[in-house]
């Protein structure tokens, strides 16, 4: 019994850690959604604070 097919795919897939993470489409999509959520929250908080002080 040989696992050459599986090991070949794993060895081919091994890249740098940061490069491997950035090639993951689900991680990139989650990063975009969460960062846009935090940006919208910061804009809302800043606008409320500016309007309350003015």
PDB file of N, CA and C in Angstrom:
ATOM      1  N   UNK A   1       0.854  -1.188   0.000  1.00  0.00           N
ATOM      2  CA  UNK A   1       0.000   0.000   0.000  1.00  0.00           C
ATOM      3  C   UNK A   1       0.894   1.243   0.000  1.00  0.00           C
ATOM      4  N   UNK A   2       0.619   2.164  -0.887  1.00  0.00           N
ATOM      5  CA  UNK A   2       1.478   3.339  -1.029  1.00  0.00           C
ATOM      6  C   UNK A   2       0.653   4.613  -0.884  1.00  0.00           C
ATOM      7  N   UNK A   3       1.249   5.586  -0.231  1.00  0.00           N
ATOM      8  CA  UNK A   3       0.588   6.876  -0.035  1.00  0.00           C
ATOM      9  C   UNK A   3       1.301   7.976  -0.811  1.00  0.00           C
ATOM     10  N   UNK A   4       1.930   7.613  -1.916  1.00  0.00           N
ATOM     11  CA  UNK A   4       2.696   8.599  -2.673  1.00  0.00           C
ATOM     12  C   UNK A   4       1.805   9.698  -3.235  1.00  0.00           C
ATOM     13  N   UNK A   5       0.609   9.354  -3.625  1.00  0.00           N
ATOM     14  CA  UNK A   5      -0.295  10.355  -4.196  1.00  0.00           C
ATOM     15  C   UNK A   5      -0.632  11.425  -3.157  1.00  0.00           C
ATOM     16  N   UNK A   6      -0.976  10.985  -1.946  1.00  0.00           N
ATOM     17  CA  UNK A   6      -1.335  11.924  -0.889  1.00  0.00           C
ATOM     18  C   UNK A   6      -0.130  12.756  -0.469  1.00  0.00           C
ATOM     19  N   UNK A   7       1.014  12.102  -0.281  1.00  0.00           N
ATOM     20  CA  UNK A   7       2.209  12.827   0.183  1.00  0.00           C
ATOM     21  C   UNK A   7       2.707  13.807  -0.867  1.00  0.00           C
ATOM     22  N   UNK A   8       2.565  13.461  -2.131  1.00  0.00           N
ATOM     23  CA  UNK A   8       3.011  14.371  -3.186  1.00  0.00           C
ATOM     24  C   UNK A   8       2.200  15.661  -3.153  1.00  0.00           C
ATOM     25  N   UNK A   9       0.893  15.542  -2.929  1.00  0.00           N
ATOM     26  CA  UNK A   9       0.065  16.735  -2.844  1.00  0.00           C
ATOM     27  C   UNK A   9       0.395  17.581  -1.638  1.00  0.00           C
ATOM     28  N   UNK A  10       0.697  16.929  -0.510  1.00  0.00           N
ATOM     29  CA  UNK A  10       1.029  17.669   0.707  1.00  0.00           C
ATOM     30  C   UNK A  10       2.364  18.370   0.549  1.00  0.00           C
ATOM     31  N   UNK A  11       3.361  17.690  -0.024  1.00  0.00           N
ATOM     32  CA  UNK A  11       4.672  18.310  -0.199  1.00  0.00           C
ATOM     33  C   UNK A  11       4.602  19.455  -1.198  1.00  0.00           C
ATOM     34  N   UNK A  12       3.778  19.289  -2.224  1.00  0.00           N
ATOM     35  CA  UNK A  12       3.635  20.352  -3.214  1.00  0.00           C
ATOM     36  C   UNK A  12       2.956  21.570  -2.599  1.00  0.00           C
ATOM     37  N   UNK A  13       2.045  21.335  -1.660  1.00  0.00           N
ATOM     38  CA  UNK A  13       1.261  22.406  -1.050  1.00  0.00           C
ATOM     39  C   UNK A  13       2.059  23.181  -0.013  1.00  0.00           C
ATOM     40  N   UNK A  14       3.116  22.580   0.542  1.00  0.00           N
ATOM     41  CA  UNK A  14       3.857  23.237   1.623  1.00  0.00           C
ATOM     42  C   UNK A  14       4.573  24.468   1.083  1.00  0.00           C
ATOM     43  N   UNK A  15       4.204  25.619   1.611  1.00  0.00           N
ATOM     44  CA  UNK A  15       4.849  26.880   1.247  1.00  0.00           C
ATOM     45  C   UNK A  15       5.148  27.620   2.540  1.00  0.00           C
ATOM     46  N   UNK A  16       5.525  28.876   2.423  1.00  0.00           N
ATOM     47  CA  UNK A  16       5.736  29.675   3.622  1.00  0.00           C
ATOM     48  C   UNK A  16       4.448  29.837   4.396  1.00  0.00           C
ATOM     49  N   UNK A  17       4.574  30.087   5.699  1.00  0.00           N
ATOM     50  CA  UNK A  17       3.379  30.125   6.551  1.00  0.00           C
ATOM     51  C   UNK A  17       2.463  31.284   6.160  1.00  0.00           C
ATOM     52  N   UNK A  18       3.004  32.468   5.976  1.00  0.00           N
ATOM     53  CA  UNK A  18       2.174  33.616   5.613  1.00  0.00           C
ATOM     54  C   UNK A  18       1.593  33.444   4.208  1.00  0.00           C
ATOM     55  N   UNK A  19       2.384  32.912   3.314  1.00  0.00           N
ATOM     56  CA  UNK A  19       1.902  32.710   1.945  1.00  0.00           C
ATOM     57  C   UNK A  19       0.794  31.663   1.910  1.00  0.00           C
ATOM     58  N   UNK A  20       0.917  30.629   2.729  1.00  0.00           N
ATOM     59  CA  UNK A  20      -0.113  29.600   2.791  1.00  0.00           C
ATOM     60  C   UNK A  20      -1.409  30.128   3.361  1.00  0.00           C
ATOM     61  N   UNK A  21      -1.322  31.019   4.354  1.00  0.00           N
ATOM     62  CA  UNK A  21      -2.538  31.587   4.946  1.00  0.00           C
ATOM     63  C   UNK A  21      -3.218  32.521   3.954  1.00  0.00           C
ATOM     64  N   UNK A  22      -2.448  33.334   3.254  1.00  0.00           N
ATOM     65  CA  UNK A  22      -3.060  34.295   2.341  1.00  0.00           C
ATOM     66  C   UNK A  22      -3.623  33.625   1.092  1.00  0.00           C
ATOM     67  N   UNK A  23      -3.232  32.389   0.820  1.00  0.00           N
ATOM     68  CA  UNK A  23      -3.823  31.669  -0.304  1.00  0.00           C
ATOM     69  C   UNK A  23      -5.126  30.987   0.079  1.00  0.00           C
ATOM     70  N   UNK A  24      -5.503  31.052   1.359  1.00  0.00           N
ATOM     71  CA  UNK A  24      -6.746  30.427   1.809  1.00  0.00           C
ATOM     72  C   UNK A  24      -7.900  31.389   1.553  1.00  0.00           C
ATOM     73  N   UNK A  25      -8.800  31.076   0.625  1.00  0.00           N
ATOM     74  CA  UNK A  25      -9.849  32.055   0.282  1.00  0.00           C
ATOM     75  C   UNK A  25     -10.828  32.327   1.417  1.00  0.00           C
ATOM     76  N   UNK A  26     -11.122  31.324   2.244  1.00  0.00           N
ATOM     77  CA  UNK A  26     -12.049  31.554   3.353  1.00  0.00           C
ATOM     78  C   UNK A  26     -11.441  32.498   4.384  1.00  0.00           C
ATOM     79  N   UNK A  27     -10.130  32.373   4.638  1.00  0.00           N
ATOM     80  CA  UNK A  27      -9.477  33.275   5.590  1.00  0.00           C
ATOM     81  C   UNK A  27      -9.475  34.701   5.066  1.00  0.00           C
ATOM     82  N   UNK A  28      -9.213  34.867   3.785  1.00  0.00           N
ATOM     83  CA  UNK A  28      -9.195  36.210   3.196  1.00  0.00           C
ATOM     84  C   UNK A  28     -10.588  36.825   3.244  1.00  0.00           C
ATOM     85  N   UNK A  29     -11.611  36.016   2.953  1.00  0.00           N
ATOM     86  CA  UNK A  29     -12.983  36.530   2.994  1.00  0.00           C
ATOM     87  C   UNK A  29     -13.382  36.909   4.414  1.00  0.00           C
ATOM     88  N   UNK A  30     -13.022  36.088   5.389  1.00  0.00           N
ATOM     89  CA  UNK A  30     -13.321  36.399   6.789  1.00  0.00           C
ATOM     90  C   UNK A  30     -12.594  37.658   7.231  1.00  0.00           C
ATOM     91  N   UNK A  31     -11.350  37.811   6.784  1.00  0.00           N
ATOM     92  CA  UNK A  31     -10.575  38.999   7.133  1.00  0.00           C
ATOM     93  C   UNK A  31     -11.210  40.255   6.553  1.00  0.00           C
ATOM     94  N   UNK A  32     -11.680  40.189   5.321  1.00  0.00           N
ATOM     95  CA  UNK A  32     -12.315  41.349   4.688  1.00  0.00           C
ATOM     96  C   UNK A  32     -13.611  41.710   5.405  1.00  0.00           C
ATOM     97  N   UNK A  33     -14.437  40.707   5.720  1.00  0.00           N
ATOM     98  CA  UNK A  33     -15.720  40.973   6.369  1.00  0.00           C
ATOM     99  C   UNK A  33     -15.513  41.549   7.764  1.00  0.00           C
ATOM    100  N   UNK A  34     -14.599  40.953   8.537  1.00  0.00           N
ATOM    101  CA  UNK A  34     -14.396  41.434   9.910  1.00  0.00           C
ATOM    102  C   UNK A  34     -13.758  42.816   9.921  1.00  0.00           C
ATOM    103  N   UNK A  35     -12.817  43.074   9.014  1.00  0.00           N
ATOM    104  CA  UNK A  35     -12.192  44.398   8.995  1.00  0.00           C
ATOM    105  C   UNK A  35     -13.186  45.468   8.556  1.00  0.00           C
ATOM    106  N   UNK A  36     -14.048  45.153   7.598  1.00  0.00           N
ATOM    107  CA  UNK A  36     -15.047  46.147   7.200  1.00  0.00           C
ATOM    108  C   UNK A  36     -16.058  46.390   8.314  1.00  0.00           C
ATOM    109  N   UNK A  37     -16.398  45.348   9.080  1.00  0.00           N
ATOM    110  CA  UNK A  37     -17.287  45.530  10.227  1.00  0.00           C
ATOM    111  C   UNK A  37     -16.663  46.468  11.256  1.00  0.00           C
ATOM    112  N   UNK A  38     -15.376  46.260  11.570  1.00  0.00           N
ATOM    113  CA  UNK A  38     -14.717  47.125  12.548  1.00  0.00           C
ATOM    114  C   UNK A  38     -14.574  48.548  12.027  1.00  0.00           C
ATOM    115  N   UNK A  39     -14.335  48.716  10.739  1.00  0.00           N
ATOM    116  CA  UNK A  39     -14.222  50.063  10.176  1.00  0.00           C
ATOM    117  C   UNK A  39     -15.560  50.792  10.268  1.00  0.00           C
ATOM    118  N   UNK A  40     -16.658  50.102   9.959  1.00  0.00           N
ATOM    119  CA  UNK A  40     -17.984  50.723  10.064  1.00  0.00           C
ATOM    120  C   UNK A  40     -18.296  51.079  11.511  1.00  0.00           C
ATOM    121  N   UNK A  41     -17.947  50.190  12.454  1.00  0.00           N
ATOM    122  CA  UNK A  41     -18.189  50.475  13.874  1.00  0.00           C
ATOM    123  C   UNK A  41     -17.381  51.682  14.332  1.00  0.00           C
ATOM    124  N   UNK A  42     -16.129  51.794  13.907  1.00  0.00           N
ATOM    125  CA  UNK A  42     -15.288  52.933  14.302  1.00  0.00           C
ATOM    126  C   UNK A  42     -15.852  54.231  13.719  1.00  0.00           C
ATOM    127  N   UNK A  43     -16.310  54.190  12.464  1.00  0.00           N
ATOM    128  CA  UNK A  43     -16.889  55.390  11.847  1.00  0.00           C
ATOM    129  C   UNK A  43     -18.152  55.821  12.584  1.00  0.00           C
ATOM    130  N   UNK A  44     -19.007  54.866  12.945  1.00  0.00           N
ATOM    131  CA  UNK A  44     -20.227  55.210  13.682  1.00  0.00           C
ATOM    132  C   UNK A  44     -19.914  55.801  15.051  1.00  0.00           C
ATOM    133  N   UNK A  45     -18.979  55.204  15.771  1.00  0.00           N
ATOM    134  CA  UNK A  45     -18.617  55.715  17.103  1.00  0.00           C
ATOM    135  C   UNK A  45     -18.014  57.107  16.991  1.00  0.00           C
ATOM    136  N   UNK A  46     -17.123  57.299  16.005  1.00  0.00           N
ATOM    137  CA  UNK A  46     -16.494  58.611  15.840  1.00  0.00           C
ATOM    138  C   UNK A  46     -17.518  59.674  15.454  1.00  0.00           C
ATOM    139  N   UNK A  47     -18.460  59.328  14.594  1.00  0.00           N
ATOM    140  CA  UNK A  47     -19.458  60.321  14.190  1.00  0.00           C
ATOM    141  C   UNK A  47     -20.391  60.672  15.348  1.00  0.00           C
ATOM    142  N   UNK A  48     -20.755  59.693  16.164  1.00  0.00           N
ATOM    143  CA  UNK A  48     -21.599  59.986  17.330  1.00  0.00           C
ATOM    144  C   UNK A  48     -20.853  60.878  18.311  1.00  0.00           C
ATOM    145  N   UNK A  49     -19.583  60.585  18.554  1.00  0.00           N
ATOM    146  CA  UNK A  49     -18.808  61.414  19.481  1.00  0.00           C
ATOM    147  C   UNK A  49     -18.649  62.838  18.948  1.00  0.00           C
ATOM    148  N   UNK A  50     -18.402  62.978  17.653  1.00  0.00           N
ATOM    149  CA  UNK A  50     -18.251  64.317  17.085  1.00  0.00           C
ATOM    150  C   UNK A  50     -19.568  65.086  17.115  1.00  0.00           C
ATOM    151  N   UNK A  51     -20.672  64.413  16.842  1.00  0.00           N
ATOM    152  CA  UNK A  51     -21.964  65.107  16.858  1.00  0.00           C
ATOM    153  C   UNK A  51     -22.399  65.463  18.274  1.00  0.00           C
ATOM    154  N   UNK A  52     -22.059  64.649  19.244  1.00  0.00           N
ATOM    155  CA  UNK A  52     -22.417  64.958  20.635  1.00  0.00           C
ATOM    156  C   UNK A  52     -21.606  66.143  21.157  1.00  0.00           C
ATOM    157  N   UNK A  53     -20.348  66.245  20.753  1.00  0.00           N
ATOM    158  CA  UNK A  53     -19.512  67.354  21.227  1.00  0.00           C
ATOM    159  C   UNK A  53     -19.859  68.652  20.508  1.00  0.00           C
ATOM    160  N   UNK A  54     -20.332  68.572  19.304  1.00  0.00           N
ATOM    161  CA  UNK A  54     -20.622  69.769  18.528  1.00  0.00           C
ATOM    162  C   UNK A  54     -21.954  70.317  18.892  1.00  0.00           C
TER     163      UNK A  54
END
